[in-house]
mmCIF file of all heavy atoms, coordinates in Angstrom:
data_MODEL
# 
_entry.id   MODEL 
# 
loop_
_atom_site.group_PDB 
_atom_site.id 
_atom_site.type_symbol 
_atom_site.label_atom_id 
_atom_site.label_alt_id 
_atom_site.label_comp_id 
_atom_site.label_asym_id 
_atom_site.label_entity_id 
_atom_site.label_seq_id 
_atom_site.pdbx_PDB_ins_code 
_atom_site.Cartn_x 
_atom_site.Cartn_y 
_atom_site.Cartn_z 
_atom_site.occupancy 
_atom_site.B_iso_or_equiv 
_atom_site.pdbx_formal_charge 
_atom_site.auth_seq_id 
_atom_site.auth_comp_id 
_atom_site.auth_asym_id 
_atom_site.auth_atom_id 
_atom_site.pdbx_PDB_model_num 
ATOM 1   N N   . ALA A 1 1  ? 93.532  141.470 160.517 1.00 0.00 ? 1  ALA A N   1 
ATOM 2   C CA  . ALA A 1 1  ? 94.752  142.116 160.061 1.00 0.00 ? 1  ALA A CA  1 
ATOM 3   C C   . ALA A 1 1  ? 95.721  142.553 161.181 1.00 0.00 ? 1  ALA A C   1 
ATOM 4   O O   . ALA A 1 1  ? 96.867  142.696 160.941 1.00 0.00 ? 1  ALA A O   1 
ATOM 5   C CB  . ALA A 1 1  ? 94.404  143.414 159.284 1.00 0.00 ? 1  ALA A CB  1 
ATOM 6   N N   . ASP A 1 2  ? 95.174  142.816 162.373 1.00 0.00 ? 2  ASP A N   1 
ATOM 7   C CA  . ASP A 1 2  ? 95.996  143.264 163.503 1.00 0.00 ? 2  ASP A CA  1 
ATOM 8   C C   . ASP A 1 2  ? 96.971  142.074 163.923 1.00 0.00 ? 2  ASP A C   1 
ATOM 9   O O   . ASP A 1 2  ? 96.548  140.916 164.126 1.00 0.00 ? 2  ASP A O   1 
ATOM 10  C CB  . ASP A 1 2  ? 95.108  143.615 164.662 1.00 0.00 ? 2  ASP A CB  1 
ATOM 11  C CG  . ASP A 1 2  ? 95.931  143.897 165.889 1.00 0.00 ? 2  ASP A CG  1 
ATOM 12  O OD1 . ASP A 1 2  ? 96.598  144.975 165.973 1.00 0.00 ? 2  ASP A OD1 1 
ATOM 13  O OD2 . ASP A 1 2  ? 95.979  143.093 166.850 1.00 0.00 ? 2  ASP A OD2 1 
ATOM 14  N N   . PRO A 1 3  ? 98.258  142.387 164.029 1.00 0.00 ? 3  PRO A N   1 
ATOM 15  C CA  . PRO A 1 3  ? 99.283  141.270 164.254 1.00 0.00 ? 3  PRO A CA  1 
ATOM 16  C C   . PRO A 1 3  ? 98.964  140.576 165.602 1.00 0.00 ? 3  PRO A C   1 
ATOM 17  O O   . PRO A 1 3  ? 99.195  139.440 165.773 1.00 0.00 ? 3  PRO A O   1 
ATOM 18  C CB  . PRO A 1 3  ? 100.558 142.117 164.331 1.00 0.00 ? 3  PRO A CB  1 
ATOM 19  C CG  . PRO A 1 3  ? 100.330 143.355 163.507 1.00 0.00 ? 3  PRO A CG  1 
ATOM 20  C CD  . PRO A 1 3  ? 98.964  143.668 163.684 1.00 0.00 ? 3  PRO A CD  1 
ATOM 21  N N   . HIS A 1 4  ? 98.499  141.344 166.588 1.00 0.00 ? 4  HIS A N   1 
ATOM 22  C CA  . HIS A 1 4  ? 98.280  140.622 167.889 1.00 0.00 ? 4  HIS A CA  1 
ATOM 23  C C   . HIS A 1 4  ? 97.105  139.706 167.776 1.00 0.00 ? 4  HIS A C   1 
ATOM 24  O O   . HIS A 1 4  ? 97.080  138.633 168.402 1.00 0.00 ? 4  HIS A O   1 
ATOM 25  C CB  . HIS A 1 4  ? 97.952  141.750 169.017 1.00 0.00 ? 4  HIS A CB  1 
ATOM 26  C CG  . HIS A 1 4  ? 99.206  142.596 169.337 1.00 0.00 ? 4  HIS A CG  1 
ATOM 27  N ND1 . HIS A 1 4  ? 100.130 142.111 170.223 1.00 0.00 ? 4  HIS A ND1 1 
ATOM 28  C CD2 . HIS A 1 4  ? 99.629  143.748 168.821 1.00 0.00 ? 4  HIS A CD2 1 
ATOM 29  C CE1 . HIS A 1 4  ? 101.091 143.021 170.317 1.00 0.00 ? 4  HIS A CE1 1 
ATOM 30  N NE2 . HIS A 1 4  ? 100.762 144.064 169.445 1.00 0.00 ? 4  HIS A NE2 1 
ATOM 31  N N   . ALA A 1 5  ? 95.995  140.120 167.018 1.00 0.00 ? 5  ALA A N   1 
ATOM 32  C CA  . ALA A 1 5  ? 94.884  139.179 166.809 1.00 0.00 ? 5  ALA A CA  1 
ATOM 33  C C   . ALA A 1 5  ? 95.250  137.973 165.984 1.00 0.00 ? 5  ALA A C   1 
ATOM 34  O O   . ALA A 1 5  ? 94.816  136.847 166.313 1.00 0.00 ? 5  ALA A O   1 
ATOM 35  C CB  . ALA A 1 5  ? 93.714  140.050 166.093 1.00 0.00 ? 5  ALA A CB  1 
ATOM 36  N N   . LEU A 1 6  ? 96.183  138.198 165.042 1.00 0.00 ? 6  LEU A N   1 
ATOM 37  C CA  . LEU A 1 6  ? 96.669  137.063 164.203 1.00 0.00 ? 6  LEU A CA  1 
ATOM 38  C C   . LEU A 1 6  ? 97.491  136.066 165.161 1.00 0.00 ? 6  LEU A C   1 
ATOM 39  O O   . LEU A 1 6  ? 97.325  134.841 165.022 1.00 0.00 ? 6  LEU A O   1 
ATOM 40  C CB  . LEU A 1 6  ? 97.488  137.551 163.103 1.00 0.00 ? 6  LEU A CB  1 
ATOM 41  C CG  . LEU A 1 6  ? 96.764  138.284 162.001 1.00 0.00 ? 6  LEU A CG  1 
ATOM 42  C CD1 . LEU A 1 6  ? 97.708  138.962 161.070 1.00 0.00 ? 6  LEU A CD1 1 
ATOM 43  C CD2 . LEU A 1 6  ? 95.965  137.289 161.195 1.00 0.00 ? 6  LEU A CD2 1 
ATOM 44  N N   . ALA A 1 7  ? 98.281  136.664 166.015 1.00 0.00 ? 7  ALA A N   1 
ATOM 45  C CA  . ALA A 1 7  ? 99.063  135.796 166.936 1.00 0.00 ? 7  ALA A CA  1 
ATOM 46  C C   . ALA A 1 7  ? 98.084  135.007 167.895 1.00 0.00 ? 7  ALA A C   1 
ATOM 47  O O   . ALA A 1 7  ? 98.349  133.845 168.187 1.00 0.00 ? 7  ALA A O   1 
ATOM 48  C CB  . ALA A 1 7  ? 100.088 136.595 167.715 1.00 0.00 ? 7  ALA A CB  1 
ATOM 49  N N   . ASP A 1 8  ? 97.119  135.675 168.377 1.00 0.00 ? 8  ASP A N   1 
ATOM 50  C CA  . ASP A 1 8  ? 96.097  135.055 169.276 1.00 0.00 ? 8  ASP A CA  1 
ATOM 51  C C   . ASP A 1 8  ? 95.455  133.870 168.530 1.00 0.00 ? 8  ASP A C   1 
ATOM 52  O O   . ASP A 1 8  ? 95.232  132.818 169.124 1.00 0.00 ? 8  ASP A O   1 
ATOM 53  C CB  . ASP A 1 8  ? 95.033  136.079 169.742 1.00 0.00 ? 8  ASP A CB  1 
ATOM 54  C CG  . ASP A 1 8  ? 95.468  137.074 170.734 1.00 0.00 ? 8  ASP A CG  1 
ATOM 55  O OD1 . ASP A 1 8  ? 96.642  136.838 171.331 1.00 0.00 ? 8  ASP A OD1 1 
ATOM 56  O OD2 . ASP A 1 8  ? 94.894  138.112 170.885 1.00 0.00 ? 8  ASP A OD2 1 
ATOM 57  N N   . PHE A 1 9  ? 95.087  134.141 167.306 1.00 0.00 ? 9  PHE A N   1 
ATOM 58  C CA  . PHE A 1 9  ? 94.414  133.082 166.451 1.00 0.00 ? 9  PHE A CA  1 
ATOM 59  C C   . PHE A 1 9  ? 95.364  131.895 166.195 1.00 0.00 ? 9  PHE A C   1 
ATOM 60  O O   . PHE A 1 9  ? 94.957  130.649 166.369 1.00 0.00 ? 9  PHE A O   1 
ATOM 61  C CB  . PHE A 1 9  ? 93.985  133.661 165.146 1.00 0.00 ? 9  PHE A CB  1 
ATOM 62  C CG  . PHE A 1 9  ? 93.382  132.609 164.168 1.00 0.00 ? 9  PHE A CG  1 
ATOM 63  C CD1 . PHE A 1 9  ? 92.058  132.201 164.272 1.00 0.00 ? 9  PHE A CD1 1 
ATOM 64  C CD2 . PHE A 1 9  ? 94.202  131.977 163.250 1.00 0.00 ? 9  PHE A CD2 1 
ATOM 65  C CE1 . PHE A 1 9  ? 91.535  131.305 163.395 1.00 0.00 ? 9  PHE A CE1 1 
ATOM 66  C CE2 . PHE A 1 9  ? 93.715  131.023 162.420 1.00 0.00 ? 9  PHE A CE2 1 
ATOM 67  C CZ  . PHE A 1 9  ? 92.371  130.653 162.526 1.00 0.00 ? 9  PHE A CZ  1 
ATOM 68  N N   . ALA A 1 10 ? 96.631  132.230 165.866 1.00 0.00 ? 10 ALA A N   1 
ATOM 69  C CA  . ALA A 1 10 ? 97.631  131.122 165.642 1.00 0.00 ? 10 ALA A CA  1 
ATOM 70  C C   . ALA A 1 10 ? 97.873  130.315 166.907 1.00 0.00 ? 10 ALA A C   1 
ATOM 71  O O   . ALA A 1 10 ? 97.971  128.980 166.812 1.00 0.00 ? 10 ALA A O   1 
ATOM 72  C CB  . ALA A 1 10 ? 98.977  131.754 165.178 1.00 0.00 ? 10 ALA A CB  1 
ATOM 73  N N   . ALA A 1 11 ? 97.887  130.988 168.012 1.00 0.00 ? 11 ALA A N   1 
ATOM 74  C CA  . ALA A 1 11 ? 98.053  130.176 169.292 1.00 0.00 ? 11 ALA A CA  1 
ATOM 75  C C   . ALA A 1 11 ? 96.839  129.403 169.649 1.00 0.00 ? 11 ALA A C   1 
ATOM 76  O O   . ALA A 1 11 ? 96.948  128.276 170.032 1.00 0.00 ? 11 ALA A O   1 
ATOM 77  C CB  . ALA A 1 11 ? 98.378  131.188 170.431 1.00 0.00 ? 11 ALA A CB  1 
ATOM 78  N N   . ALA A 1 12 ? 95.683  129.976 169.504 1.00 0.00 ? 12 ALA A N   1 
ATOM 79  C CA  . ALA A 1 12 ? 94.426  129.245 169.828 1.00 0.00 ? 12 ALA A CA  1 
ATOM 80  C C   . ALA A 1 12 ? 94.117  128.110 169.007 1.00 0.00 ? 12 ALA A C   1 
ATOM 81  O O   . ALA A 1 12 ? 93.702  126.971 169.471 1.00 0.00 ? 12 ALA A O   1 
ATOM 82  C CB  . ALA A 1 12 ? 93.217  130.187 169.851 1.00 0.00 ? 12 ALA A CB  1 
ATOM 83  N N   . GLU A 1 13 ? 94.413  128.197 167.643 1.00 0.00 ? 13 GLU A N   1 
ATOM 84  C CA  . GLU A 1 13 ? 94.149  127.133 166.704 1.00 0.00 ? 13 GLU A CA  1 
ATOM 85  C C   . GLU A 1 13 ? 95.315  126.193 166.546 1.00 0.00 ? 13 GLU A C   1 
ATOM 86  O O   . GLU A 1 13 ? 95.247  125.276 165.762 1.00 0.00 ? 13 GLU A O   1 
ATOM 87  C CB  . GLU A 1 13 ? 93.770  127.785 165.372 1.00 0.00 ? 13 GLU A CB  1 
ATOM 88  C CG  . GLU A 1 13 ? 92.429  128.502 165.288 1.00 0.00 ? 13 GLU A CG  1 
ATOM 89  C CD  . GLU A 1 13 ? 91.307  127.489 165.489 1.00 0.00 ? 13 GLU A CD  1 
ATOM 90  O OE1 . GLU A 1 13 ? 91.346  126.366 164.949 1.00 0.00 ? 13 GLU A OE1 1 
ATOM 91  O OE2 . GLU A 1 13 ? 90.326  127.827 166.181 1.00 0.00 ? 13 GLU A OE2 1 
ATOM 92  N N   . LYS A 1 14 ? 96.411  126.472 167.227 1.00 0.00 ? 14 LYS A N   1 
ATOM 93  C CA  . LYS A 1 14 ? 97.603  125.602 167.075 1.00 0.00 ? 14 LYS A CA  1 
ATOM 94  C C   . LYS A 1 14 ? 98.065  125.483 165.698 1.00 0.00 ? 14 LYS A C   1 
ATOM 95  O O   . LYS A 1 14 ? 98.332  124.539 165.121 1.00 0.00 ? 14 LYS A O   1 
ATOM 96  C CB  . LYS A 1 14 ? 97.380  124.193 167.688 1.00 0.00 ? 14 LYS A CB  1 
ATOM 97  C CG  . LYS A 1 14 ? 97.073  124.224 169.216 1.00 0.00 ? 14 LYS A CG  1 
ATOM 98  C CD  . LYS A 1 14 ? 96.853  122.802 169.752 1.00 0.00 ? 14 LYS A CD  1 
ATOM 99  C CE  . LYS A 1 14 ? 96.834  122.773 171.263 1.00 0.00 ? 14 LYS A CE  1 
ATOM 100 N NZ  . LYS A 1 14 ? 95.801  123.613 171.783 1.00 0.00 ? 14 LYS A NZ  1 
ATOM 101 N N   . VAL A 1 15 ? 98.239  126.758 165.002 1.00 0.00 ? 15 VAL A N   1 
ATOM 102 C CA  . VAL A 1 15 ? 98.662  126.869 163.692 1.00 0.00 ? 15 VAL A CA  1 
ATOM 103 C C   . VAL A 1 15 ? 100.156 126.422 163.681 1.00 0.00 ? 15 VAL A C   1 
ATOM 104 O O   . VAL A 1 15 ? 100.981 126.828 164.397 1.00 0.00 ? 15 VAL A O   1 
ATOM 105 C CB  . VAL A 1 15 ? 98.570  128.280 163.220 1.00 0.00 ? 15 VAL A CB  1 
ATOM 106 C CG1 . VAL A 1 15 ? 99.283  128.452 161.832 1.00 0.00 ? 15 VAL A CG1 1 
ATOM 107 C CG2 . VAL A 1 15 ? 97.081  128.581 162.955 1.00 0.00 ? 15 VAL A CG2 1 
ATOM 108 N N   . ALA A 1 16 ? 100.519 125.439 162.730 1.00 0.00 ? 16 ALA A N   1 
ATOM 109 C CA  . ALA A 1 16 ? 101.847 124.875 162.677 1.00 0.00 ? 16 ALA A CA  1 
ATOM 110 C C   . ALA A 1 16 ? 102.850 125.862 162.037 1.00 0.00 ? 16 ALA A C   1 
ATOM 111 O O   . ALA A 1 16 ? 103.995 125.793 162.440 1.00 0.00 ? 16 ALA A O   1 
ATOM 112 C CB  . ALA A 1 16 ? 101.848 123.582 161.887 1.00 0.00 ? 16 ALA A CB  1 
ATOM 113 N N   . LEU A 1 17 ? 102.346 126.684 161.170 1.00 0.00 ? 17 LEU A N   1 
ATOM 114 C CA  . LEU A 1 17 ? 103.251 127.577 160.448 1.00 0.00 ? 17 LEU A CA  1 
ATOM 115 C C   . LEU A 1 17 ? 102.471 128.806 159.898 1.00 0.00 ? 17 LEU A C   1 
ATOM 116 O O   . LEU A 1 17 ? 101.459 128.601 159.381 1.00 0.00 ? 17 LEU A O   1 
ATOM 117 C CB  . LEU A 1 17 ? 103.909 126.862 159.295 1.00 0.00 ? 17 LEU A CB  1 
ATOM 118 C CG  . LEU A 1 17 ? 104.872 127.735 158.340 1.00 0.00 ? 17 LEU A CG  1 
ATOM 119 C CD1 . LEU A 1 17 ? 106.136 128.201 159.094 1.00 0.00 ? 17 LEU A CD1 1 
ATOM 120 C CD2 . LEU A 1 17 ? 105.244 126.935 157.105 1.00 0.00 ? 17 LEU A CD2 1 
ATOM 121 N N   . THR A 1 18 ? 103.086 129.985 160.137 1.00 0.00 ? 18 THR A N   1 
ATOM 122 C CA  . THR A 1 18 ? 102.506 131.193 159.527 1.00 0.00 ? 18 THR A CA  1 
ATOM 123 C C   . THR A 1 18 ? 103.558 131.699 158.498 1.00 0.00 ? 18 THR A C   1 
ATOM 124 O O   . THR A 1 18 ? 104.750 131.675 158.749 1.00 0.00 ? 18 THR A O   1 
ATOM 125 C CB  . THR A 1 18 ? 102.320 132.260 160.611 1.00 0.00 ? 18 THR A CB  1 
ATOM 126 O OG1 . THR A 1 18 ? 101.328 131.814 161.534 1.00 0.00 ? 18 THR A OG1 1 
ATOM 127 C CG2 . THR A 1 18 ? 101.764 133.573 159.952 1.00 0.00 ? 18 THR A CG2 1 
ATOM 128 N N   . VAL A 1 19 ? 103.017 132.073 157.330 1.00 0.00 ? 19 VAL A N   1 
ATOM 129 C CA  . VAL A 1 19 ? 103.884 132.523 156.212 1.00 0.00 ? 19 VAL A CA  1 
ATOM 130 C C   . VAL A 1 19 ? 103.400 133.996 155.905 1.00 0.00 ? 19 VAL A C   1 
ATOM 131 O O   . VAL A 1 19 ? 102.144 134.171 155.678 1.00 0.00 ? 19 VAL A O   1 
ATOM 132 C CB  . VAL A 1 19 ? 103.724 131.649 155.018 1.00 0.00 ? 19 VAL A CB  1 
ATOM 133 C CG1 . VAL A 1 19 ? 104.605 132.186 153.804 1.00 0.00 ? 19 VAL A CG1 1 
ATOM 134 C CG2 . VAL A 1 19 ? 104.184 130.241 155.268 1.00 0.00 ? 19 VAL A CG2 1 
ATOM 135 N N   . VAL A 1 20 ? 104.333 134.932 155.937 1.00 0.00 ? 20 VAL A N   1 
ATOM 136 C CA  . VAL A 1 20 ? 103.953 136.298 155.636 1.00 0.00 ? 20 VAL A CA  1 
ATOM 137 C C   . VAL A 1 20 ? 104.191 136.582 154.194 1.00 0.00 ? 20 VAL A C   1 
ATOM 138 O O   . VAL A 1 20 ? 105.231 136.451 153.711 1.00 0.00 ? 20 VAL A O   1 
ATOM 139 C CB  . VAL A 1 20 ? 104.802 137.278 156.579 1.00 0.00 ? 20 VAL A CB  1 
ATOM 140 C CG1 . VAL A 1 20 ? 104.310 138.721 156.440 1.00 0.00 ? 20 VAL A CG1 1 
ATOM 141 C CG2 . VAL A 1 20 ? 104.807 136.855 157.986 1.00 0.00 ? 20 VAL A CG2 1 
ATOM 142 N N   . GLY A 1 21 ? 103.102 137.147 153.551 1.00 0.00 ? 21 GLY A N   1 
ATOM 143 C CA  . GLY A 1 21 ? 103.229 137.432 152.072 1.00 0.00 ? 21 GLY A CA  1 
ATOM 144 C C   . GLY A 1 21 ? 103.787 138.849 151.810 1.00 0.00 ? 21 GLY A C   1 
ATOM 145 O O   . GLY A 1 21 ? 104.802 138.975 151.245 1.00 0.00 ? 21 GLY A O   1 
ATOM 146 N N   . PRO A 1 22 ? 103.061 139.958 152.332 1.00 0.00 ? 22 PRO A N   1 
ATOM 147 C CA  . PRO A 1 22 ? 103.399 141.194 151.857 1.00 0.00 ? 22 PRO A CA  1 
ATOM 148 C C   . PRO A 1 22 ? 104.468 141.939 152.774 1.00 0.00 ? 22 PRO A C   1 
ATOM 149 O O   . PRO A 1 22 ? 104.818 141.419 153.835 1.00 0.00 ? 22 PRO A O   1 
ATOM 150 C CB  . PRO A 1 22 ? 102.096 142.025 151.998 1.00 0.00 ? 22 PRO A CB  1 
ATOM 151 C CG  . PRO A 1 22 ? 101.359 141.295 152.926 1.00 0.00 ? 22 PRO A CG  1 
ATOM 152 C CD  . PRO A 1 22 ? 101.753 139.851 152.941 1.00 0.00 ? 22 PRO A CD  1 
ATOM 153 N N   . GLU A 1 23 ? 104.960 143.108 152.306 1.00 0.00 ? 23 GLU A N   1 
ATOM 154 C CA  . GLU A 1 23 ? 106.024 143.777 153.016 1.00 0.00 ? 23 GLU A CA  1 
ATOM 155 C C   . GLU A 1 23 ? 105.623 144.548 154.243 1.00 0.00 ? 23 GLU A C   1 
ATOM 156 O O   . GLU A 1 23 ? 106.337 144.563 155.219 1.00 0.00 ? 23 GLU A O   1 
ATOM 157 C CB  . GLU A 1 23 ? 106.696 144.718 152.064 1.00 0.00 ? 23 GLU A CB  1 
ATOM 158 C CG  . GLU A 1 23 ? 105.799 145.877 151.481 1.00 0.00 ? 23 GLU A CG  1 
ATOM 159 C CD  . GLU A 1 23 ? 105.115 145.389 150.164 1.00 0.00 ? 23 GLU A CD  1 
ATOM 160 O OE1 . GLU A 1 23 ? 104.830 144.181 150.013 1.00 0.00 ? 23 GLU A OE1 1 
ATOM 161 O OE2 . GLU A 1 23 ? 104.731 146.242 149.472 1.00 0.00 ? 23 GLU A OE2 1 
ATOM 162 N N   . ALA A 1 24 ? 104.353 145.054 154.240 1.00 0.00 ? 24 ALA A N   1 
ATOM 163 C CA  . ALA A 1 24 ? 103.942 145.926 155.410 1.00 0.00 ? 24 ALA A CA  1 
ATOM 164 C C   . ALA A 1 24 ? 103.954 145.266 156.700 1.00 0.00 ? 24 ALA A C   1 
ATOM 165 O O   . ALA A 1 24 ? 104.498 145.780 157.708 1.00 0.00 ? 24 ALA A O   1 
ATOM 166 C CB  . ALA A 1 24 ? 102.573 146.576 155.063 1.00 0.00 ? 24 ALA A CB  1 
ATOM 167 N N   . PRO A 1 25 ? 103.395 144.010 156.889 1.00 0.00 ? 25 PRO A N   1 
ATOM 168 C CA  . PRO A 1 25 ? 103.455 143.316 158.101 1.00 0.00 ? 25 PRO A CA  1 
ATOM 169 C C   . PRO A 1 25 ? 104.943 143.010 158.581 1.00 0.00 ? 25 PRO A C   1 
ATOM 170 O O   . PRO A 1 25 ? 105.182 143.057 159.828 1.00 0.00 ? 25 PRO A O   1 
ATOM 171 C CB  . PRO A 1 25 ? 102.640 142.111 157.952 1.00 0.00 ? 25 PRO A CB  1 
ATOM 172 C CG  . PRO A 1 25 ? 101.809 142.284 156.750 1.00 0.00 ? 25 PRO A CG  1 
ATOM 173 C CD  . PRO A 1 25 ? 102.595 143.187 155.930 1.00 0.00 ? 25 PRO A CD  1 
ATOM 174 N N   . LEU A 1 26 ? 105.750 142.751 157.665 1.00 0.00 ? 26 LEU A N   1 
ATOM 175 C CA  . LEU A 1 26 ? 107.195 142.508 157.951 1.00 0.00 ? 26 LEU A CA  1 
ATOM 176 C C   . LEU A 1 26 ? 107.822 143.740 158.534 1.00 0.00 ? 26 LEU A C   1 
ATOM 177 O O   . LEU A 1 26 ? 108.528 143.693 159.494 1.00 0.00 ? 26 LEU A O   1 
ATOM 178 C CB  . LEU A 1 26 ? 107.900 142.057 156.678 1.00 0.00 ? 26 LEU A CB  1 
ATOM 179 C CG  . LEU A 1 26 ? 107.478 140.666 156.160 1.00 0.00 ? 26 LEU A CG  1 
ATOM 180 C CD1 . LEU A 1 26 ? 108.134 140.417 154.738 1.00 0.00 ? 26 LEU A CD1 1 
ATOM 181 C CD2 . LEU A 1 26 ? 107.796 139.569 157.130 1.00 0.00 ? 26 LEU A CD2 1 
# 
């Protein structure tokens, strides 16, 4: 859930696109 951990995962896994669903992370 932590934004920094999510960004680390996206970078490490070479995620092509992240889509934000709910309002709180935005």
